Amino acid sequence: MPSRAYNLKIGYSVAEDESTILELEQLVWGQEEPGSPPYFQWQYLQNPLGRALTGSMASSTGALAAHVACMPVLVEMRQEYLRCGLVVNAVTHPQQRRQGLFERLARELIDEAHRIGLPLLITVPNESSFGVFKKKLGFHEIAKHCLMAKWIDPGVFLAQHGFNTVGRAVSVLARPFFSMGRTSLRAKTPGQIQCIEDIRSVAVEKLLHHSSHAASREAREWFHWRYAMHPTRRYQYVIAGSAQNPFALMVYHVMTPYCKAFLSDFLFAPDAPLDLLKGMADFVVGSLRQQGASAIWCIAKQKSVRAQLLKKCGFRAVVLGSRFAPRLLARRMGSGLPESSLSEIELSFGSLVNCD
């Protein structure tokens, strides 16, 4: 059936859209997180920056054949934060693929995003949609990102993957090395690193280059929604300094089934002492060790300040094949942003790439 035979709808998400969108997502992805009602409500309807802009294409019976969404996000560029759009959840019914439905739907969504004034769209496509975004929709690959990891206990990793005897031996041999590093670093920064329960208590705007009162409130609301209100994950927060005058913030959560941790955010003030940041990373490792985690992972832009600091804190780049490496694409929506500025985007909200 040609794409013109489908009914196309572009608009802001409403609760009435939930059942039809979830039916298609669950058909393609299963019953996991992206296709659950709580996740839909959180991602599409509860974002403090605004509801998601959605595009759907339905057959004459009302069943969805294709769907895509654009959720408002904060993007760091040139030490400023812009409200932009993150294109997510591109999905096509298995029986309606290779008919150009997604391309037509995405073009209509892009036109609407331009009409409402979004200056930039970003996306991290999967293999099947990468070519469409780059070759047909005007998106450009703007930055190389890498996966980085810091070992907590290699023995736990081996044991989790079936090598129990070897894993236990490695844990015993490695423990003095990791413990020595943790003690020496934390001794330099007593009392300045702490876990917190409520991320709303942290003046995150001081780490986000915001100055106005409205921007400060927006940043705190965003962080609270992004992490504290997430329907399935329980994020943990560690700050260096005080809640009202933080030097740095790390946000992470423990993933199953192999009990790996993922560092979702690492924000820091320009004048944050390096020893303090090292001690903070070591504090997180110590906490995760007690939770039985084997390693902590993160995504960082290659050669960025954030990646360099993570390296100094003991993280190392993990070499992956091209099919597994995250690829960040962007599309300018007008002449307000120079082409050269795209390469300066720093992905602060790394978990959006990894998980959502």
Foldseek 3Di string as FASTA:
>chain_A
DALVQWDKDKAADDPVCLPLLLVQCCQVPNPDDVSDPLNCCLQAPVQPVGGKIKMFIHHPVRHTFWIKIWGWDWWDFPLATATATEIDDTGGHPVPPPNCNSLVRVLVNLVVRLVVPHFKYKYFDAPVCPCCCVPPVAKDQQFFKFKKKFWLQQLLLCVLVPNNVVSVVSRVVCVVVLVVLLVVLCVVQPPQKDKDDQLLLAQCVQQRSDDDPVVSVSVSSNVCSVAVVRPPWHKIKMFGHDRDDTQWIWIKTFDDDSREMETQAITGHPPRDLSSLLNNLSVVSVVSVVVSHGMYMYMWTPPDPVVVSVVVSRMDTDDDDPNPGTTMIMHGSDDPDDPVRSNRITDRRGVVRVPD
